[in-house]
Amino acid sequence: MTGNGIRHKRHSIRLQGYDYTQQGMYFVTIVTHQRECLFGDIQDGVMRLNELGKIANSEWHRSGEIRAEIKLDIFVVMPNHLHGIVIIVGAHGHVGAHGHVGAHGRAPLRTPYRPPKSLGSFIAGYKSVVTKCINQMRDTPAIPVWQRNYQERIIRNEKELTRIREYISNNPAQWTLDKENQTTGYL
């Protein structure tokens, strides 16, 4: 609800009817709150992580280590966003969208439902732990670090996978052209 008492209905940008718990590859972009450059800067086409960027980087790696249902492919932390390829590999006991099991740690029972071991559950967990660590470091409790949502694209074939990997690898060198770079006046 907004300050003037008007309730805004939020619409999901996810592909309606798609089961984000199923095995597959996803190109993910997560952007900082108000596109603030929190994670470092680009120097000579190379991303130089600051302490906050190192948190975002290490928690991404850690997520791949502690979540059996995912594998992480190439990724890059940029000054105000990150790009990565997430592969949902499934897990024993996996329950898909048609067999909901109720609430879980990152998504209490509510609408919209975010199934455990899904892309949404992974992103929510990642964003939550990074926000907590950054806010502890800066002594800024409850300050948002990320935009509310994230962007994803289902990777459908090897050609697309190769193209996206190249895009992610080249992203720091292309920072002056990046739409997320508000320092260039591009937007």
N, C-alpha and C. Protein backbone atom coordinates (compact mmCIF):
# COMPACT_ATOMS: atom_id res chain seq x y z
N MET A 1 0.85 -1.16 0.00
CA MET A 1 0.00 0.00 0.00
C MET A 1 0.89 1.23 0.00
N THR A 2 0.53 2.24 -0.75
CA THR A 2 1.32 3.46 -0.81
C THR A 2 0.93 4.38 0.33
N GLY A 3 1.66 5.48 0.49
CA GLY A 3 1.40 6.44 1.56
C GLY A 3 0.04 7.10 1.46
N ASN A 4 -0.54 7.13 0.25
CA ASN A 4 -1.84 7.77 0.10
C ASN A 4 -2.99 6.77 0.21
N GLY A 5 -2.70 5.57 0.67
CA GLY A 5 -3.74 4.57 0.91
C GLY A 5 -4.15 3.78 -0.32
N ILE A 6 -3.49 3.99 -1.46
CA ILE A 6 -3.82 3.27 -2.68
C ILE A 6 -2.99 1.99 -2.73
N ARG A 7 -3.66 0.89 -2.95
CA ARG A 7 -2.97 -0.40 -3.04
C ARG A 7 -2.62 -0.67 -4.50
N HIS A 8 -1.33 -0.89 -4.75
CA HIS A 8 -0.89 -1.21 -6.10
C HIS A 8 -0.85 -2.72 -6.24
N LYS A 9 -1.38 -3.22 -7.31
CA LYS A 9 -1.32 -4.65 -7.58
C LYS A 9 -0.05 -4.92 -8.37
N ARG A 10 0.82 -5.73 -7.82
CA ARG A 10 2.07 -6.05 -8.49
C ARG A 10 1.86 -7.23 -9.41
N HIS A 11 2.39 -7.11 -10.60
CA HIS A 11 2.27 -8.17 -11.59
C HIS A 11 3.62 -8.85 -11.75
N SER A 12 3.60 -10.16 -11.83
CA SER A 12 4.82 -10.92 -12.02
C SER A 12 5.31 -10.75 -13.45
N ILE A 13 6.64 -10.68 -13.61
CA ILE A 13 7.21 -10.64 -14.95
C ILE A 13 7.66 -12.03 -15.38
N ARG A 14 7.40 -13.04 -14.57
CA ARG A 14 7.73 -14.41 -14.92
C ARG A 14 6.80 -14.91 -16.02
N LEU A 15 7.26 -15.88 -16.77
CA LEU A 15 6.48 -16.50 -17.83
C LEU A 15 5.32 -17.26 -17.20
N GLN A 16 4.10 -16.81 -17.46
CA GLN A 16 2.93 -17.39 -16.82
C GLN A 16 2.78 -18.87 -17.20
N GLY A 17 2.57 -19.70 -16.20
CA GLY A 17 2.37 -21.11 -16.41
C GLY A 17 3.66 -21.92 -16.51
N TYR A 18 4.81 -21.27 -16.50
CA TYR A 18 6.09 -21.98 -16.61
C TYR A 18 6.52 -22.46 -15.24
N ASP A 19 7.02 -23.66 -15.14
CA ASP A 19 7.47 -24.25 -13.88
C ASP A 19 8.96 -23.97 -13.71
N TYR A 20 9.29 -22.97 -12.89
CA TYR A 20 10.68 -22.57 -12.67
C TYR A 20 11.43 -23.50 -11.72
N THR A 21 10.81 -24.65 -11.37
CA THR A 21 11.53 -25.67 -10.62
C THR A 21 12.07 -26.74 -11.56
N GLN A 22 11.62 -26.72 -12.81
CA GLN A 22 12.06 -27.77 -13.73
C GLN A 22 13.50 -27.53 -14.18
N GLN A 23 14.12 -28.62 -14.58
CA GLN A 23 15.50 -28.53 -15.03
C GLN A 23 15.58 -27.60 -16.23
N GLY A 24 16.63 -26.76 -16.23
CA GLY A 24 16.81 -25.84 -17.33
C GLY A 24 17.89 -24.83 -17.02
N MET A 25 18.21 -24.01 -18.01
CA MET A 25 19.22 -22.97 -17.87
C MET A 25 18.55 -21.61 -17.98
N TYR A 26 18.99 -20.69 -17.13
CA TYR A 26 18.36 -19.37 -17.05
C TYR A 26 19.45 -18.30 -17.01
N PHE A 27 19.27 -17.27 -17.82
CA PHE A 27 20.12 -16.09 -17.80
C PHE A 27 19.44 -15.09 -16.86
N VAL A 28 20.13 -14.73 -15.79
CA VAL A 28 19.55 -13.92 -14.73
C VAL A 28 20.29 -12.59 -14.63
N THR A 29 19.52 -11.52 -14.43
CA THR A 29 20.07 -10.20 -14.13
C THR A 29 19.39 -9.68 -12.87
N ILE A 30 20.20 -9.28 -11.90
CA ILE A 30 19.70 -8.71 -10.65
C ILE A 30 20.30 -7.31 -10.53
N VAL A 31 19.45 -6.32 -10.31
CA VAL A 31 19.87 -4.92 -10.30
C VAL A 31 19.74 -4.34 -8.90
N THR A 32 20.68 -3.48 -8.53
CA THR A 32 20.64 -2.85 -7.21
C THR A 32 19.49 -1.85 -7.12
N HIS A 33 19.10 -1.57 -5.89
CA HIS A 33 18.05 -0.60 -5.61
C HIS A 33 18.46 0.77 -6.18
N GLN A 34 17.58 1.34 -6.96
CA GLN A 34 17.80 2.63 -7.62
C GLN A 34 19.07 2.66 -8.48
N ARG A 35 19.48 1.48 -8.91
CA ARG A 35 20.68 1.32 -9.77
C ARG A 35 21.93 1.95 -9.16
N GLU A 36 21.98 1.94 -7.85
CA GLU A 36 23.13 2.51 -7.14
C GLU A 36 24.38 1.66 -7.40
N CYS A 37 25.48 2.30 -7.73
CA CYS A 37 26.74 1.58 -7.97
C CYS A 37 27.37 1.24 -6.62
N LEU A 38 27.05 0.05 -6.13
CA LEU A 38 27.49 -0.39 -4.81
C LEU A 38 28.73 -1.27 -4.83
N PHE A 39 28.97 -1.97 -5.92
CA PHE A 39 29.87 -3.12 -5.90
C PHE A 39 31.28 -2.85 -6.40
N GLY A 40 31.59 -1.65 -6.79
CA GLY A 40 32.92 -1.33 -7.28
C GLY A 40 32.82 -0.51 -8.54
N ASP A 41 33.88 -0.54 -9.34
CA ASP A 41 33.86 0.22 -10.58
C ASP A 41 34.65 -0.49 -11.66
N ILE A 42 34.46 0.00 -12.87
CA ILE A 42 35.14 -0.56 -14.04
C ILE A 42 36.36 0.30 -14.32
N GLN A 43 37.52 -0.35 -14.41
CA GLN A 43 38.76 0.35 -14.77
C GLN A 43 39.41 -0.40 -15.92
N ASP A 44 39.60 0.30 -17.02
CA ASP A 44 40.20 -0.30 -18.21
C ASP A 44 39.48 -1.58 -18.64
N GLY A 45 38.14 -1.56 -18.57
CA GLY A 45 37.34 -2.69 -19.01
C GLY A 45 37.32 -3.87 -18.06
N VAL A 46 37.81 -3.69 -16.84
CA VAL A 46 37.86 -4.76 -15.85
C VAL A 46 37.08 -4.33 -14.61
N MET A 47 36.22 -5.21 -14.10
CA MET A 47 35.47 -4.91 -12.89
C MET A 47 36.38 -5.04 -11.68
N ARG A 48 36.45 -3.99 -10.89
CA ARG A 48 37.22 -3.96 -9.65
C ARG A 48 36.23 -3.96 -8.49
N LEU A 49 36.10 -5.10 -7.82
CA LEU A 49 35.13 -5.23 -6.73
C LEU A 49 35.61 -4.50 -5.49
N ASN A 50 34.69 -3.77 -4.85
CA ASN A 50 34.98 -3.22 -3.53
C ASN A 50 34.51 -4.26 -2.49
N GLU A 51 34.48 -3.89 -1.22
CA GLU A 51 34.10 -4.86 -0.17
C GLU A 51 32.66 -5.35 -0.36
N LEU A 52 31.75 -4.47 -0.78
CA LEU A 52 30.36 -4.89 -1.01
C LEU A 52 30.27 -5.80 -2.22
N GLY A 53 31.04 -5.51 -3.25
CA GLY A 53 31.08 -6.36 -4.43
C GLY A 53 31.64 -7.74 -4.11
N LYS A 54 32.61 -7.77 -3.22
CA LYS A 54 33.18 -9.06 -2.80
C LYS A 54 32.15 -9.90 -2.07
N ILE A 55 31.26 -9.26 -1.32
CA ILE A 55 30.17 -10.00 -0.66
C ILE A 55 29.24 -10.59 -1.72
N ALA A 56 28.82 -9.76 -2.68
CA ALA A 56 27.93 -10.25 -3.74
C ALA A 56 28.57 -11.40 -4.51
N ASN A 57 29.85 -11.29 -4.79
CA ASN A 57 30.59 -12.32 -5.51
C ASN A 57 30.71 -13.61 -4.70
N SER A 58 31.14 -13.50 -3.45
CA SER A 58 31.35 -14.71 -2.65
C SER A 58 30.05 -15.42 -2.32
N GLU A 59 28.97 -14.65 -2.10
CA GLU A 59 27.67 -15.30 -1.81
C GLU A 59 27.11 -16.00 -3.04
N TRP A 60 27.41 -15.49 -4.23
CA TRP A 60 26.99 -16.18 -5.46
C TRP A 60 27.68 -17.54 -5.52
N HIS A 61 29.01 -17.53 -5.29
CA HIS A 61 29.75 -18.80 -5.28
C HIS A 61 29.21 -19.74 -4.20
N ARG A 62 29.01 -19.22 -3.02
CA ARG A 62 28.52 -20.02 -1.90
C ARG A 62 27.16 -20.63 -2.19
N SER A 63 26.30 -19.89 -2.88
CA SER A 63 24.98 -20.41 -3.24
C SER A 63 25.09 -21.68 -4.06
N GLY A 64 26.03 -21.70 -4.99
CA GLY A 64 26.24 -22.89 -5.80
C GLY A 64 26.76 -24.07 -5.00
N GLU A 65 27.47 -23.78 -3.91
CA GLU A 65 28.01 -24.84 -3.06
C GLU A 65 26.96 -25.42 -2.13
N ILE A 66 26.02 -24.61 -1.66
CA ILE A 66 25.07 -25.08 -0.63
C ILE A 66 23.73 -25.52 -1.20
N ARG A 67 23.47 -25.27 -2.46
CA ARG A 67 22.18 -25.63 -3.06
C ARG A 67 22.40 -26.76 -4.06
N ALA A 68 21.99 -27.96 -3.69
CA ALA A 68 22.19 -29.12 -4.54
C ALA A 68 21.38 -29.06 -5.83
N GLU A 69 20.29 -28.29 -5.83
CA GLU A 69 19.40 -28.24 -7.00
C GLU A 69 19.88 -27.30 -8.10
N ILE A 70 20.98 -26.57 -7.86
CA ILE A 70 21.47 -25.64 -8.89
C ILE A 70 22.95 -25.84 -9.16
N LYS A 71 23.32 -25.44 -10.34
CA LYS A 71 24.73 -25.27 -10.71
C LYS A 71 24.84 -23.87 -11.27
N LEU A 72 25.95 -23.24 -10.99
CA LEU A 72 26.17 -21.89 -11.48
C LEU A 72 27.21 -21.91 -12.58
N ASP A 73 26.89 -21.29 -13.67
CA ASP A 73 27.77 -21.17 -14.81
C ASP A 73 28.45 -19.80 -14.69
N ILE A 74 28.85 -19.23 -15.77
CA ILE A 74 29.53 -17.95 -15.79
C ILE A 74 28.64 -16.86 -15.17
N PHE A 75 29.27 -15.91 -14.49
CA PHE A 75 28.57 -14.75 -13.95
C PHE A 75 29.55 -13.60 -13.80
N VAL A 76 29.00 -12.40 -13.66
CA VAL A 76 29.83 -11.23 -13.42
C VAL A 76 29.07 -10.28 -12.50
N VAL A 77 29.77 -9.77 -11.51
CA VAL A 77 29.24 -8.70 -10.67
C VAL A 77 29.70 -7.39 -11.30
N MET A 78 28.76 -6.53 -11.57
CA MET A 78 29.01 -5.22 -12.17
C MET A 78 28.79 -4.15 -11.09
N PRO A 79 29.08 -2.87 -11.37
CA PRO A 79 28.91 -1.85 -10.33
C PRO A 79 27.51 -1.80 -9.71
N ASN A 80 26.46 -2.02 -10.52
CA ASN A 80 25.11 -1.91 -9.97
C ASN A 80 24.18 -3.06 -10.37
N HIS A 81 24.74 -4.14 -10.82
CA HIS A 81 23.92 -5.31 -11.16
C HIS A 81 24.84 -6.52 -11.30
N LEU A 82 24.22 -7.67 -11.46
CA LEU A 82 25.00 -8.85 -11.81
C LEU A 82 24.25 -9.64 -12.85
N HIS A 83 25.02 -10.34 -13.67
CA HIS A 83 24.49 -11.26 -14.67
C HIS A 83 25.04 -12.64 -14.33
N GLY A 84 24.21 -13.65 -14.50
CA GLY A 84 24.70 -15.00 -14.30
C GLY A 84 23.82 -16.02 -14.99
N ILE A 85 24.39 -17.18 -15.21
CA ILE A 85 23.63 -18.31 -15.75
C ILE A 85 23.43 -19.29 -14.62
N VAL A 86 22.17 -19.60 -14.36
CA VAL A 86 21.79 -20.54 -13.30
C VAL A 86 21.20 -21.77 -13.97
N ILE A 87 21.67 -22.93 -13.56
CA ILE A 87 21.16 -24.19 -14.11
C ILE A 87 20.44 -24.93 -13.00
N ILE A 88 19.14 -25.16 -13.20
CA ILE A 88 18.36 -25.95 -12.25
C ILE A 88 18.55 -27.41 -12.66
N VAL A 89 19.13 -28.20 -11.77
CA VAL A 89 19.42 -29.60 -12.11
C VAL A 89 18.45 -30.56 -11.45
N GLY A 90 17.60 -30.06 -10.55
CA GLY A 90 16.66 -30.91 -9.85
C GLY A 90 17.34 -31.57 -8.66
N ALA A 91 16.55 -32.17 -7.85
CA ALA A 91 17.07 -32.85 -6.66
C ALA A 91 16.10 -33.95 -6.26
N HIS A 92 16.58 -34.91 -5.50
CA HIS A 92 15.70 -35.96 -5.01
C HIS A 92 14.65 -35.35 -4.11
N GLY A 93 13.43 -35.82 -4.21
CA GLY A 93 12.36 -35.26 -3.41
C GLY A 93 11.80 -33.97 -3.96
N HIS A 94 12.24 -33.61 -5.16
CA HIS A 94 11.80 -32.37 -5.80
C HIS A 94 10.29 -32.40 -5.99
N VAL A 95 9.64 -31.31 -5.63
CA VAL A 95 8.21 -31.18 -5.83
C VAL A 95 7.98 -30.03 -6.79
N GLY A 96 7.35 -30.29 -7.91
CA GLY A 96 7.10 -29.26 -8.91
C GLY A 96 5.92 -28.40 -8.57
N ALA A 97 5.56 -27.52 -9.47
CA ALA A 97 4.50 -26.53 -9.23
C ALA A 97 3.14 -27.18 -9.01
N HIS A 98 2.94 -28.41 -9.46
CA HIS A 98 1.63 -29.04 -9.31
C HIS A 98 1.51 -29.80 -8.00
N GLY A 99 2.58 -29.85 -7.21
CA GLY A 99 2.54 -30.57 -5.94
C GLY A 99 3.07 -29.72 -4.82
N HIS A 100 2.51 -28.54 -4.64
CA HIS A 100 3.00 -27.61 -3.62
C HIS A 100 3.03 -28.26 -2.24
N VAL A 101 4.06 -27.92 -1.50
CA VAL A 101 4.21 -28.49 -0.17
C VAL A 101 4.00 -27.47 0.93
N GLY A 102 3.63 -26.25 0.60
CA GLY A 102 3.37 -25.24 1.62
C GLY A 102 4.50 -24.25 1.73
N ALA A 103 4.62 -23.62 2.91
CA ALA A 103 5.61 -22.57 3.12
C ALA A 103 7.00 -23.15 3.26
N HIS A 104 8.00 -22.30 3.03
CA HIS A 104 9.38 -22.64 3.31
C HIS A 104 10.09 -21.38 3.75
N GLY A 105 11.37 -21.49 4.11
CA GLY A 105 12.08 -20.41 4.78
C GLY A 105 12.10 -19.07 4.09
N ARG A 106 12.18 -19.03 2.78
CA ARG A 106 12.27 -17.76 2.06
C ARG A 106 10.93 -17.32 1.48
N ALA A 107 9.92 -18.18 1.51
CA ALA A 107 8.63 -17.82 0.95
C ALA A 107 7.51 -18.41 1.78
N PRO A 108 7.08 -17.71 2.83
CA PRO A 108 5.95 -18.22 3.60
C PRO A 108 4.73 -18.35 2.70
N LEU A 109 3.80 -19.18 3.12
CA LEU A 109 2.61 -19.43 2.33
C LEU A 109 1.87 -18.13 2.07
N ARG A 110 1.86 -17.70 0.83
CA ARG A 110 1.20 -16.46 0.42
C ARG A 110 1.08 -16.47 -1.09
N THR A 111 0.50 -15.45 -1.63
CA THR A 111 0.40 -15.31 -3.07
C THR A 111 1.32 -14.18 -3.50
N PRO A 112 2.13 -14.29 -4.55
CA PRO A 112 2.31 -15.51 -5.32
C PRO A 112 3.22 -16.50 -4.60
N TYR A 113 2.96 -17.75 -4.81
CA TYR A 113 3.72 -18.81 -4.18
C TYR A 113 5.05 -19.00 -4.89
N ARG A 114 6.14 -19.12 -4.14
CA ARG A 114 7.47 -19.36 -4.69
C ARG A 114 7.90 -20.74 -4.23
N PRO A 115 7.84 -21.74 -5.11
CA PRO A 115 8.18 -23.09 -4.68
C PRO A 115 9.64 -23.22 -4.25
N PRO A 116 9.90 -24.07 -3.26
CA PRO A 116 11.30 -24.32 -2.90
C PRO A 116 12.02 -24.98 -4.07
N LYS A 117 13.33 -24.81 -4.10
CA LYS A 117 14.19 -25.39 -5.13
C LYS A 117 13.85 -24.85 -6.52
N SER A 118 13.32 -23.64 -6.57
CA SER A 118 13.00 -22.99 -7.83
C SER A 118 13.98 -21.85 -8.08
N LEU A 119 13.95 -21.31 -9.27
CA LEU A 119 14.79 -20.16 -9.59
C LEU A 119 14.44 -19.00 -8.66
N GLY A 120 13.17 -18.75 -8.46
CA GLY A 120 12.74 -17.65 -7.59
C GLY A 120 13.20 -17.83 -6.15
N SER A 121 13.16 -19.05 -5.66
CA SER A 121 13.62 -19.33 -4.31
C SER A 121 15.12 -19.07 -4.18
N PHE A 122 15.88 -19.51 -5.17
CA PHE A 122 17.33 -19.27 -5.17
C PHE A 122 17.63 -17.77 -5.16
N ILE A 123 16.99 -17.02 -6.06
CA ILE A 123 17.26 -15.58 -6.16
C ILE A 123 16.85 -14.88 -4.86
N ALA A 124 15.71 -15.24 -4.30
CA ALA A 124 15.26 -14.62 -3.04
C ALA A 124 16.26 -14.89 -1.92
N GLY A 125 16.75 -16.11 -1.84
CA GLY A 125 17.74 -16.45 -0.81
C GLY A 125 19.04 -15.70 -1.00
N TYR A 126 19.50 -15.63 -2.24
CA TYR A 126 20.74 -14.92 -2.55
C TYR A 126 20.61 -13.44 -2.18
N LYS A 127 19.55 -12.81 -2.66
CA LYS A 127 19.35 -11.39 -2.40
C LYS A 127 19.24 -11.12 -0.90
N SER A 128 18.58 -12.00 -0.19
CA SER A 128 18.39 -11.83 1.25
C SER A 128 19.71 -11.88 2.00
N VAL A 129 20.54 -12.86 1.72
CA VAL A 129 21.80 -12.99 2.45
C VAL A 129 22.77 -11.87 2.09
N VAL A 130 22.80 -11.46 0.83
CA VAL A 130 23.67 -10.35 0.43
C VAL A 130 23.21 -9.07 1.11
N THR A 131 21.92 -8.83 1.13
CA THR A 131 21.38 -7.63 1.78
C THR A 131 21.73 -7.62 3.26
N LYS A 132 21.55 -8.75 3.91
CA LYS A 132 21.85 -8.84 5.34
C LYS A 132 23.33 -8.55 5.61
N CYS A 133 24.22 -9.16 4.84
CA CYS A 133 25.67 -8.96 5.03
C CYS A 133 26.07 -7.51 4.76
N ILE A 134 25.55 -6.94 3.68
CA ILE A 134 25.90 -5.56 3.34
C ILE A 134 25.36 -4.60 4.38
N ASN A 135 24.13 -4.80 4.82
CA ASN A 135 23.57 -3.91 5.83
C ASN A 135 24.29 -4.03 7.16
N GLN A 136 24.75 -5.23 7.50
CA GLN A 136 25.56 -5.38 8.72
C GLN A 136 26.88 -4.64 8.57
N MET A 137 27.51 -4.76 7.42
CA MET A 137 28.80 -4.10 7.18
C MET A 137 28.66 -2.58 7.24
N ARG A 138 27.59 -2.05 6.66
CA ARG A 138 27.39 -0.60 6.62
C ARG A 138 26.64 -0.06 7.83
N ASP A 139 26.19 -0.97 8.70
CA ASP A 139 25.36 -0.58 9.86
C ASP A 139 24.13 0.20 9.39
N THR A 140 23.45 -0.38 8.39
CA THR A 140 22.25 0.24 7.82
C THR A 140 21.12 -0.78 7.79
N PRO A 141 20.55 -1.12 8.95
CA PRO A 141 19.50 -2.14 8.97
C PRO A 141 18.29 -1.74 8.13
N ALA A 142 17.76 -2.71 7.42
CA ALA A 142 16.52 -2.58 6.65
C ALA A 142 16.62 -1.66 5.43
N ILE A 143 17.82 -1.31 4.98
CA ILE A 143 17.98 -0.50 3.78
C ILE A 143 18.00 -1.45 2.57
N PRO A 144 17.17 -1.20 1.55
CA PRO A 144 17.18 -2.10 0.39
C PRO A 144 18.50 -2.04 -0.38
N VAL A 145 18.93 -3.19 -0.82
CA VAL A 145 20.13 -3.31 -1.65
C VAL A 145 19.73 -3.59 -3.10
N TRP A 146 18.65 -4.33 -3.29
CA TRP A 146 18.25 -4.80 -4.61
C TRP A 146 16.90 -4.22 -5.03
N GLN A 147 16.68 -4.16 -6.33
CA GLN A 147 15.33 -3.92 -6.83
C GLN A 147 14.46 -5.10 -6.42
N ARG A 148 13.16 -4.87 -6.36
CA ARG A 148 12.24 -5.90 -5.87
C ARG A 148 12.29 -7.18 -6.70
N ASN A 149 12.45 -7.10 -7.98
CA ASN A 149 12.36 -8.27 -8.83
C ASN A 149 13.71 -8.59 -9.46
N TYR A 150 13.72 -9.40 -10.46
CA TYR A 150 14.91 -9.74 -11.23
C TYR A 150 14.46 -10.08 -12.64
N GLN A 151 15.39 -10.07 -13.56
CA GLN A 151 15.08 -10.45 -14.94
C GLN A 151 15.65 -11.83 -15.20
N GLU A 152 14.92 -12.62 -15.95
CA GLU A 152 15.44 -13.93 -16.35
C GLU A 152 15.01 -14.22 -17.77
N ARG A 153 15.83 -15.05 -18.39
CA ARG A 153 15.53 -15.52 -19.74
C ARG A 153 15.84 -17.01 -19.76
N ILE A 154 14.91 -17.79 -20.26
CA ILE A 154 15.12 -19.22 -20.39
C ILE A 154 16.06 -19.44 -21.57
N ILE A 155 17.14 -20.15 -21.33
CA ILE A 155 18.11 -20.44 -22.39
C ILE A 155 17.66 -21.72 -23.07
N ARG A 156 17.39 -21.63 -24.36
CA ARG A 156 16.74 -22.73 -25.06
C ARG A 156 17.67 -23.65 -25.85
N ASN A 157 18.89 -23.18 -26.18
CA ASN A 157 19.77 -24.04 -26.98
C ASN A 157 21.23 -23.62 -26.80
N GLU A 158 22.14 -24.40 -27.36
CA GLU A 158 23.58 -24.16 -27.22
C GLU A 158 24.02 -22.84 -27.85
N LYS A 159 23.43 -22.49 -28.98
CA LYS A 159 23.78 -21.24 -29.65
C LYS A 159 23.46 -20.05 -28.74
N GLU A 160 22.31 -20.07 -28.13
CA GLU A 160 21.91 -19.01 -27.21
C GLU A 160 22.81 -19.00 -25.98
N LEU A 161 23.14 -20.17 -25.47
CA LEU A 161 24.03 -20.29 -24.31
C LEU A 161 25.39 -19.67 -24.62
N THR A 162 25.94 -19.96 -25.77
CA THR A 162 27.23 -19.41 -26.18
C THR A 162 27.17 -17.88 -26.28
N ARG A 163 26.11 -17.37 -26.89
CA ARG A 163 25.94 -15.92 -27.05
C ARG A 163 25.83 -15.23 -25.68
N ILE A 164 25.09 -15.81 -24.77
CA ILE A 164 24.91 -15.21 -23.44
C ILE A 164 26.21 -15.28 -22.64
N ARG A 165 26.93 -16.38 -22.74
CA ARG A 165 28.23 -16.47 -22.07
C ARG A 165 29.18 -15.37 -22.56
N GLU A 166 29.19 -15.14 -23.87
CA GLU A 166 30.03 -14.08 -24.42
C GLU A 166 29.58 -12.71 -23.90
N TYR A 167 28.28 -12.49 -23.85
CA TYR A 167 27.75 -11.22 -23.35
C TYR A 167 28.20 -10.98 -21.91
N ILE A 168 28.08 -12.00 -21.07
CA ILE A 168 28.47 -11.87 -19.66
C ILE A 168 29.97 -11.61 -19.56
N SER A 169 30.77 -12.38 -20.29
CA SER A 169 32.23 -12.22 -20.26
C SER A 169 32.66 -10.83 -20.69
N ASN A 170 31.98 -10.28 -21.69
CA ASN A 170 32.35 -8.99 -22.24
C ASN A 170 31.69 -7.80 -21.55
N ASN A 171 30.80 -8.08 -20.59
CA ASN A 171 30.03 -7.00 -19.98
C ASN A 171 30.90 -5.91 -19.36
N PRO A 172 31.94 -6.21 -18.59
CA PRO A 172 32.76 -5.12 -18.04
C PRO A 172 33.40 -4.25 -19.12
N ALA A 173 33.86 -4.84 -20.20
CA ALA A 173 34.48 -4.07 -21.27
C ALA A 173 33.47 -3.20 -22.01
N GLN A 174 32.20 -3.55 -21.93
CA GLN A 174 31.13 -2.82 -22.60
C GLN A 174 30.39 -1.87 -21.67
N TRP A 175 30.92 -1.64 -20.47
CA TRP A 175 30.23 -0.86 -19.43
C TRP A 175 29.80 0.52 -19.93
N THR A 176 30.59 1.18 -20.72
CA THR A 176 30.22 2.52 -21.18
C THR A 176 28.97 2.50 -22.06
N LEU A 177 28.64 1.34 -22.62
CA LEU A 177 27.44 1.20 -23.46
C LEU A 177 26.28 0.55 -22.72
N ASP A 178 26.51 0.07 -21.50
CA ASP A 178 25.51 -0.70 -20.75
C ASP A 178 24.35 0.18 -20.31
N LYS A 179 23.12 -0.29 -20.51
CA LYS A 179 21.95 0.49 -20.12
C LYS A 179 21.85 0.65 -18.60
N GLU A 180 22.52 -0.22 -17.83
CA GLU A 180 22.51 -0.10 -16.38
C GLU A 180 23.53 0.94 -15.88
N ASN A 181 24.40 1.41 -16.77
CA ASN A 181 25.42 2.40 -16.39
C ASN A 181 24.82 3.79 -16.50
N GLN A 182 24.47 4.36 -15.38
CA GLN A 182 23.88 5.70 -15.37
C GLN A 182 24.93 6.79 -15.35
N THR A 183 26.20 6.43 -15.27
CA THR A 183 27.26 7.44 -15.23
C THR A 183 27.61 7.98 -16.61
N THR A 184 27.16 7.31 -17.68
CA THR A 184 27.53 7.73 -19.03
C THR A 184 26.49 8.62 -19.69
N GLY A 185 25.33 8.76 -19.06
CA GLY A 185 24.27 9.53 -19.68
C GLY A 185 23.53 8.74 -20.75
N TYR A 186 23.80 7.44 -20.86
CA TYR A 186 23.19 6.59 -21.86
C TYR A 186 21.68 6.52 -21.67
N LEU A 187 21.23 6.50 -20.41
CA LEU A 187 19.79 6.36 -20.16
C LEU A 187 19.12 7.61 -20.48
